[in-house]
């Protein structure tokens, strides 16, 4: 009986000390050009505003695909890789009100995931109410995609209403194969994908 108890304790300790999977803080195999898989195509804010620590909360998040005919959201070959800038252009004035280049955190490992677009909430708390054109560019300003009619009410993300058309913070909640809009895809220059 004692041997069984000791064996169970050893097995339990092994699982406890080994953790649940990949250590988030282990960057030993990440390079400047490595971009991997991280829940592309899912509602980013469902985890990044409810399940994770506040320093990982997102104000805005989505996935950029090479084209709109995405069949498998887990296939890295369907995602556009590279460094992207998200611009919020006021539809009435044409002025860029927000640009993710102004709200980047160089220490964030979120940039290692291929195709993911986001702004950390600790970098930008809210987006002012209004209607915006969302434009995605590379770091040199080359436009990858753009679409208007994105409304914001200055309200926080609501996990019970991720497809809130008056507060379009969770891009993939609408932009997916099963959503009301096609996945976000490169409309202008696919050759800029890495």
C-alpha atoms as a PDB file:
ATOM      1  CA  UNK A   1       0.000   0.000   0.000  1.00  0.00           C
ATOM      2  CA  UNK A   2       2.810   2.413   0.894  1.00  0.00           C
ATOM      3  CA  UNK A   3       4.504   1.680  -2.429  1.00  0.00           C
ATOM      4  CA  UNK A   4       1.303   2.589  -4.322  1.00  0.00           C
ATOM      5  CA  UNK A   5       0.920   5.855  -2.405  1.00  0.00           C
ATOM      6  CA  UNK A   6       4.570   6.807  -2.975  1.00  0.00           C
ATOM      7  CA  UNK A   7       4.221   5.921  -6.679  1.00  0.00           C
ATOM      8  CA  UNK A   8       1.116   8.096  -7.020  1.00  0.00           C
ATOM      9  CA  UNK A   9       2.846  10.979  -5.251  1.00  0.00           C
ATOM     10  CA  UNK A  10       5.869  10.698  -7.566  1.00  0.00           C
ATOM     11  CA  UNK A  11       3.657  10.647 -10.664  1.00  0.00           C
ATOM     12  CA  UNK A  12       1.691  13.642  -9.380  1.00  0.00           C
ATOM     13  CA  UNK A  13       4.895  15.552  -8.598  1.00  0.00           C
ATOM     14  CA  UNK A  14       6.191  14.834 -12.089  1.00  0.00           C
ATOM     15  CA  UNK A  15       3.085  16.390 -13.666  1.00  0.00           C
ATOM     16  CA  UNK A  16       3.144  19.298 -11.232  1.00  0.00           C
ATOM     17  CA  UNK A  17       6.755  20.232 -11.974  1.00  0.00           C
ATOM     18  CA  UNK A  18       6.564  19.602 -15.709  1.00  0.00           C
ATOM     19  CA  UNK A  19       3.657  22.050 -16.220  1.00  0.00           C
ATOM     20  CA  UNK A  20       0.949  21.992 -18.866  1.00  0.00           C
ATOM     21  CA  UNK A  21       3.059  22.412 -21.951  1.00  0.00           C
ATOM     22  CA  UNK A  22       5.403  24.927 -23.493  1.00  0.00           C
ATOM     23  CA  UNK A  23       6.759  27.466 -21.043  1.00  0.00           C
ATOM     24  CA  UNK A  24       5.591  30.921 -22.163  1.00  0.00           C
ATOM     25  CA  UNK A  25       8.770  32.504 -20.881  1.00  0.00           C
ATOM     26  CA  UNK A  26      11.136  30.169 -22.738  1.00  0.00           C
ATOM     27  CA  UNK A  27      12.399  32.168 -25.697  1.00  0.00           C
ATOM     28  CA  UNK A  28      15.452  30.002 -26.374  1.00  0.00           C
ATOM     29  CA  UNK A  29      14.069  28.742 -29.692  1.00  0.00           C
ATOM     30  CA  UNK A  30      12.550  32.058 -30.867  1.00  0.00           C
ATOM     31  CA  UNK A  31      14.490  34.138 -33.371  1.00  0.00           C
ATOM     32  CA  UNK A  32      13.700  37.490 -34.919  1.00  0.00           C
ATOM     33  CA  UNK A  33      12.286  35.764 -37.996  1.00  0.00           C
ATOM     34  CA  UNK A  34      10.434  32.910 -36.297  1.00  0.00           C
ATOM     35  CA  UNK A  35       6.674  33.145 -36.503  1.00  0.00           C
ATOM     36  CA  UNK A  36       4.606  30.272 -35.245  1.00  0.00           C
ATOM     37  CA  UNK A  37       1.143  29.118 -34.380  1.00  0.00           C
ATOM     38  CA  UNK A  38      -0.908  30.855 -31.687  1.00  0.00           C
ATOM     39  CA  UNK A  39      -4.664  30.312 -32.002  1.00  0.00           C
ATOM     40  CA  UNK A  40      -4.990  32.111 -35.328  1.00  0.00           C
ATOM     41  CA  UNK A  41      -8.576  32.592 -36.451  1.00  0.00           C
ATOM     42  CA  UNK A  42     -10.017  32.432 -32.917  1.00  0.00           C
ATOM     43  CA  UNK A  43     -11.580  35.292 -30.967  1.00  0.00           C
ATOM     44  CA  UNK A  44      -8.335  36.718 -29.564  1.00  0.00           C
ATOM     45  CA  UNK A  45     -10.035  38.715 -26.832  1.00  0.00           C
ATOM     46  CA  UNK A  46     -11.892  35.694 -25.424  1.00  0.00           C
ATOM     47  CA  UNK A  47      -8.576  34.686 -23.841  1.00  0.00           C
ATOM     48  CA  UNK A  48      -6.705  37.965 -23.889  1.00  0.00           C
ATOM     49  CA  UNK A  49      -9.353  39.878 -21.948  1.00  0.00           C
ATOM     50  CA  UNK A  50     -10.843  37.203 -19.747  1.00  0.00           C
ATOM     51  CA  UNK A  51      -8.459  34.304 -19.049  1.00  0.00           C
ATOM     52  CA  UNK A  52      -5.003  35.872 -19.081  1.00  0.00           C
ATOM     53  CA  UNK A  53      -3.176  38.314 -16.831  1.00  0.00           C
ATOM     54  CA  UNK A  54      -3.941  42.024 -17.380  1.00  0.00           C
ATOM     55  CA  UNK A  55      -0.507  42.634 -18.936  1.00  0.00           C
ATOM     56  CA  UNK A  56      -1.572  40.312 -21.791  1.00  0.00           C
ATOM     57  CA  UNK A  57      -5.019  41.839 -22.332  1.00  0.00           C
ATOM     58  CA  UNK A  58      -5.706  43.130 -25.840  1.00  0.00           C
ATOM     59  CA  UNK A  59      -7.744  46.126 -26.910  1.00  0.00           C
ATOM     60  CA  UNK A  60      -8.004  44.833 -30.469  1.00  0.00           C
ATOM     61  CA  UNK A  61      -7.036  41.531 -32.103  1.00  0.00           C
ATOM     62  CA  UNK A  62      -7.417  39.516 -35.298  1.00  0.00           C
ATOM     63  CA  UNK A  63      -5.663  37.374 -37.910  1.00  0.00           C
ATOM     64  CA  UNK A  64      -4.447  38.303 -41.400  1.00  0.00           C
ATOM     65  CA  UNK A  65      -4.651  35.550 -44.029  1.00  0.00           C
ATOM     66  CA  UNK A  66      -3.030  35.367 -47.472  1.00  0.00           C
ATOM     67  CA  UNK A  67      -6.450  35.176 -49.155  1.00  0.00           C
ATOM     68  CA  UNK A  68     -10.120  34.823 -48.216  1.00  0.00           C
ATOM     69  CA  UNK A  69     -10.429  31.143 -49.139  1.00  0.00           C
ATOM     70  CA  UNK A  70      -9.176  29.858 -45.776  1.00  0.00           C
ATOM     71  CA  UNK A  71     -10.128  26.235 -45.211  1.00  0.00           C
ATOM     72  CA  UNK A  72      -7.965  25.367 -42.192  1.00  0.00           C
ATOM     73  CA  UNK A  73      -7.331  28.141 -39.676  1.00  0.00           C
ATOM     74  CA  UNK A  74      -4.508  26.067 -38.154  1.00  0.00           C
ATOM     75  CA  UNK A  75      -2.491  25.915 -41.387  1.00  0.00           C
ATOM     76  CA  UNK A  76       0.357  28.430 -41.101  1.00  0.00           C
ATOM     77  CA  UNK A  77       0.667  28.473 -44.898  1.00  0.00           C
ATOM     78  CA  UNK A  78      -2.679  30.296 -45.142  1.00  0.00           C
ATOM     79  CA  UNK A  79      -1.533  33.151 -42.873  1.00  0.00           C
ATOM     80  CA  UNK A  80       0.314  36.264 -43.898  1.00  0.00           C
ATOM     81  CA  UNK A  81       3.520  36.585 -41.908  1.00  0.00           C
ATOM     82  CA  UNK A  82       5.525  39.713 -41.254  1.00  0.00           C
ATOM     83  CA  UNK A  83       5.414  42.826 -39.129  1.00  0.00           C
ATOM     84  CA  UNK A  84       2.156  44.705 -39.530  1.00  0.00           C
ATOM     85  CA  UNK A  85       0.831  48.115 -38.588  1.00  0.00           C
ATOM     86  CA  UNK A  86      -2.895  48.632 -37.921  1.00  0.00           C
ATOM     87  CA  UNK A  87      -4.151  52.129 -38.733  1.00  0.00           C
ATOM     88  CA  UNK A  88      -7.525  53.477 -37.600  1.00  0.00           C
ATOM     89  CA  UNK A  89      -8.519  56.119 -40.150  1.00  0.00           C
ATOM     90  CA  UNK A  90     -11.469  58.374 -39.327  1.00  0.00           C
ATOM     91  CA  UNK A  91     -14.032  57.792 -42.089  1.00  0.00           C
ATOM     92  CA  UNK A  92     -15.279  61.388 -41.944  1.00  0.00           C
ATOM     93  CA  UNK A  93     -11.918  63.181 -42.068  1.00  0.00           C
ATOM     94  CA  UNK A  94      -9.514  60.627 -43.593  1.00  0.00           C
ATOM     95  CA  UNK A  95      -7.078  61.281 -40.750  1.00  0.00           C
ATOM     96  CA  UNK A  96      -5.193  58.453 -39.023  1.00  0.00           C
ATOM     97  CA  UNK A  97      -6.439  58.628 -35.444  1.00  0.00           C
ATOM     98  CA  UNK A  98      -4.576  55.586 -34.098  1.00  0.00           C
ATOM     99  CA  UNK A  99      -1.685  53.550 -35.422  1.00  0.00           C
ATOM    100  CA  UNK A 100      -0.416  50.406 -33.724  1.00  0.00           C
ATOM    101  CA  UNK A 101       3.148  51.580 -34.437  1.00  0.00           C
ATOM    102  CA  UNK A 102       2.551  54.135 -31.660  1.00  0.00           C
ATOM    103  CA  UNK A 103       1.408  51.448 -29.212  1.00  0.00           C
ATOM    104  CA  UNK A 104       3.924  48.627 -29.732  1.00  0.00           C
ATOM    105  CA  UNK A 105       5.657  46.891 -26.862  1.00  0.00           C
ATOM    106  CA  UNK A 106       8.997  45.470 -27.992  1.00  0.00           C
ATOM    107  CA  UNK A 107       8.883  42.929 -25.131  1.00  0.00           C
ATOM    108  CA  UNK A 108       5.590  41.381 -26.242  1.00  0.00           C
ATOM    109  CA  UNK A 109       5.933  37.845 -27.574  1.00  0.00           C
ATOM    110  CA  UNK A 110       2.661  38.253 -29.459  1.00  0.00           C
ATOM    111  CA  UNK A 111       4.650  39.292 -32.515  1.00  0.00           C
ATOM    112  CA  UNK A 112       6.030  35.751 -32.765  1.00  0.00           C
ATOM    113  CA  UNK A 113       2.669  34.376 -33.909  1.00  0.00           C
ATOM    114  CA  UNK A 114       2.225  34.350 -37.674  1.00  0.00           C
ATOM    115  CA  UNK A 115      -0.619  36.498 -38.983  1.00  0.00           C
ATOM    116  CA  UNK A 116      -1.842  37.881 -35.671  1.00  0.00           C
ATOM    117  CA  UNK A 117      -2.752  41.580 -35.454  1.00  0.00           C
ATOM    118  CA  UNK A 118      -3.269  43.269 -32.103  1.00  0.00           C
ATOM    119  CA  UNK A 119      -2.909  46.259 -29.830  1.00  0.00           C
ATOM    120  CA  UNK A 120      -2.174  45.647 -26.149  1.00  0.00           C
ATOM    121  CA  UNK A 121      -4.703  47.237 -23.815  1.00  0.00           C
ATOM    122  CA  UNK A 122      -1.952  48.484 -21.497  1.00  0.00           C
ATOM    123  CA  UNK A 123      -0.592  50.464 -24.454  1.00  0.00           C
ATOM    124  CA  UNK A 124      -3.962  51.915 -25.546  1.00  0.00           C
ATOM    125  CA  UNK A 125      -6.901  51.741 -23.139  1.00  0.00           C
ATOM    126  CA  UNK A 126      -9.849  52.492 -25.476  1.00  0.00           C
ATOM    127  CA  UNK A 127     -10.615  53.624 -28.992  1.00  0.00           C
ATOM    128  CA  UNK A 128     -12.658  56.821 -29.208  1.00  0.00           C
ATOM    129  CA  UNK A 129     -16.232  56.372 -30.401  1.00  0.00           C
ATOM    130  CA  UNK A 130     -16.554  56.728 -34.153  1.00  0.00           C
ATOM    131  CA  UNK A 131     -16.488  55.003 -37.514  1.00  0.00           C
ATOM    132  CA  UNK A 132     -13.113  53.969 -38.880  1.00  0.00           C
ATOM    133  CA  UNK A 133     -11.422  52.491 -41.904  1.00  0.00           C
ATOM    134  CA  UNK A 134      -9.104  49.775 -40.630  1.00  0.00           C
ATOM    135  CA  UNK A 135      -5.957  49.679 -42.723  1.00  0.00           C
ATOM    136  CA  UNK A 136      -3.180  47.107 -42.403  1.00  0.00           C
ATOM    137  CA  UNK A 137       0.271  47.985 -43.714  1.00  0.00           C
ATOM    138  CA  UNK A 138       3.774  46.596 -43.429  1.00  0.00           C
ATOM    139  CA  UNK A 139       6.359  48.587 -41.466  1.00  0.00           C
ATOM    140  CA  UNK A 140       7.296  50.524 -44.618  1.00  0.00           C
ATOM    141  CA  UNK A 141       3.715  51.712 -45.135  1.00  0.00           C
ATOM    142  CA  UNK A 142       2.795  49.408 -48.017  1.00  0.00           C
ATOM    143  CA  UNK A 143      -0.951  48.732 -47.738  1.00  0.00           C
ATOM    144  CA  UNK A 144      -1.947  45.076 -47.332  1.00  0.00           C
ATOM    145  CA  UNK A 145      -5.681  45.458 -46.709  1.00  0.00           C
ATOM    146  CA  UNK A 146      -8.263  48.102 -45.842  1.00  0.00           C
ATOM    147  CA  UNK A 147     -11.973  48.132 -45.041  1.00  0.00           C
ATOM    148  CA  UNK A 148     -14.359  50.791 -43.767  1.00  0.00           C
ATOM    149  CA  UNK A 149     -17.477  50.691 -41.629  1.00  0.00           C
ATOM    150  CA  UNK A 150     -15.812  49.610 -38.395  1.00  0.00           C
ATOM    151  CA  UNK A 151     -17.732  51.233 -35.571  1.00  0.00           C
ATOM    152  CA  UNK A 152     -16.587  51.760 -32.005  1.00  0.00           C
ATOM    153  CA  UNK A 153     -18.531  52.984 -28.984  1.00  0.00           C
ATOM    154  CA  UNK A 154     -15.638  53.318 -26.505  1.00  0.00           C
ATOM    155  CA  UNK A 155     -17.065  50.331 -24.626  1.00  0.00           C
ATOM    156  CA  UNK A 156     -15.014  47.425 -23.355  1.00  0.00           C
ATOM    157  CA  UNK A 157     -15.033  44.029 -25.059  1.00  0.00           C
ATOM    158  CA  UNK A 158     -17.892  41.780 -23.910  1.00  0.00           C
ATOM    159  CA  UNK A 159     -17.152  38.041 -24.065  1.00  0.00           C
ATOM    160  CA  UNK A 160     -20.925  37.417 -24.150  1.00  0.00           C
ATOM    161  CA  UNK A 161     -21.266  39.581 -27.272  1.00  0.00           C
ATOM    162  CA  UNK A 162     -18.011  39.272 -29.251  1.00  0.00           C
ATOM    163  CA  UNK A 163     -19.751  40.036 -32.569  1.00  0.00           C
ATOM    164  CA  UNK A 164     -20.927  43.424 -31.299  1.00  0.00           C
ATOM    165  CA  UNK A 165     -21.145  45.431 -34.539  1.00  0.00           C
ATOM    166  CA  UNK A 166     -20.990  48.661 -32.543  1.00  0.00           C
ATOM    167  CA  UNK A 167     -17.703  47.729 -30.928  1.00  0.00           C
ATOM    168  CA  UNK A 168     -15.599  45.721 -33.364  1.00  0.00           C
ATOM    169  CA  UNK A 169     -12.671  44.835 -31.120  1.00  0.00           C
ATOM    170  CA  UNK A 170     -12.612  41.054 -31.641  1.00  0.00           C
ATOM    171  CA  UNK A 171     -11.954  40.860 -35.398  1.00  0.00           C
ATOM    172  CA  UNK A 172     -12.119  37.075 -35.714  1.00  0.00           C
ATOM    173  CA  UNK A 173     -15.541  36.950 -34.048  1.00  0.00           C
ATOM    174  CA  UNK A 174     -16.974  38.327 -37.311  1.00  0.00           C
ATOM    175  CA  UNK A 175     -14.115  37.715 -39.755  1.00  0.00           C
ATOM    176  CA  UNK A 176     -14.063  33.924 -39.979  1.00  0.00           C
ATOM    177  CA  UNK A 177     -15.406  31.095 -42.105  1.00  0.00           C
ATOM    178  CA  UNK A 178     -18.392  30.813 -39.775  1.00  0.00           C
ATOM    179  CA  UNK A 179     -18.743  34.539 -39.110  1.00  0.00           C
ATOM    180  CA  UNK A 180     -20.717  37.303 -40.750  1.00  0.00           C
ATOM    181  CA  UNK A 181     -17.676  38.487 -42.742  1.00  0.00           C
ATOM    182  CA  UNK A 182     -14.937  36.643 -44.643  1.00  0.00           C
ATOM    183  CA  UNK A 183     -11.585  36.210 -42.858  1.00  0.00           C
ATOM    184  CA  UNK A 184      -9.308  39.264 -42.986  1.00  0.00           C
ATOM    185  CA  UNK A 185      -7.071  38.733 -45.989  1.00  0.00           C
ATOM    186  CA  UNK A 186      -4.428  40.528 -48.008  1.00  0.00           C
ATOM    187  CA  UNK A 187      -6.307  42.445 -50.670  1.00  0.00           C
ATOM    188  CA  UNK A 188      -3.486  44.418 -52.229  1.00  0.00           C
ATOM    189  CA  UNK A 189      -0.033  42.772 -52.216  1.00  0.00           C
ATOM    190  CA  UNK A 190       0.323  39.135 -51.166  1.00  0.00           C
ATOM    191  CA  UNK A 191       4.022  39.269 -52.016  1.00  0.00           C
ATOM    192  CA  UNK A 192       4.602  41.248 -48.806  1.00  0.00           C
ATOM    193  CA  UNK A 193       3.671  38.172 -46.737  1.00  0.00           C
ATOM    194  CA  UNK A 194       6.643  36.341 -45.200  1.00  0.00           C
END
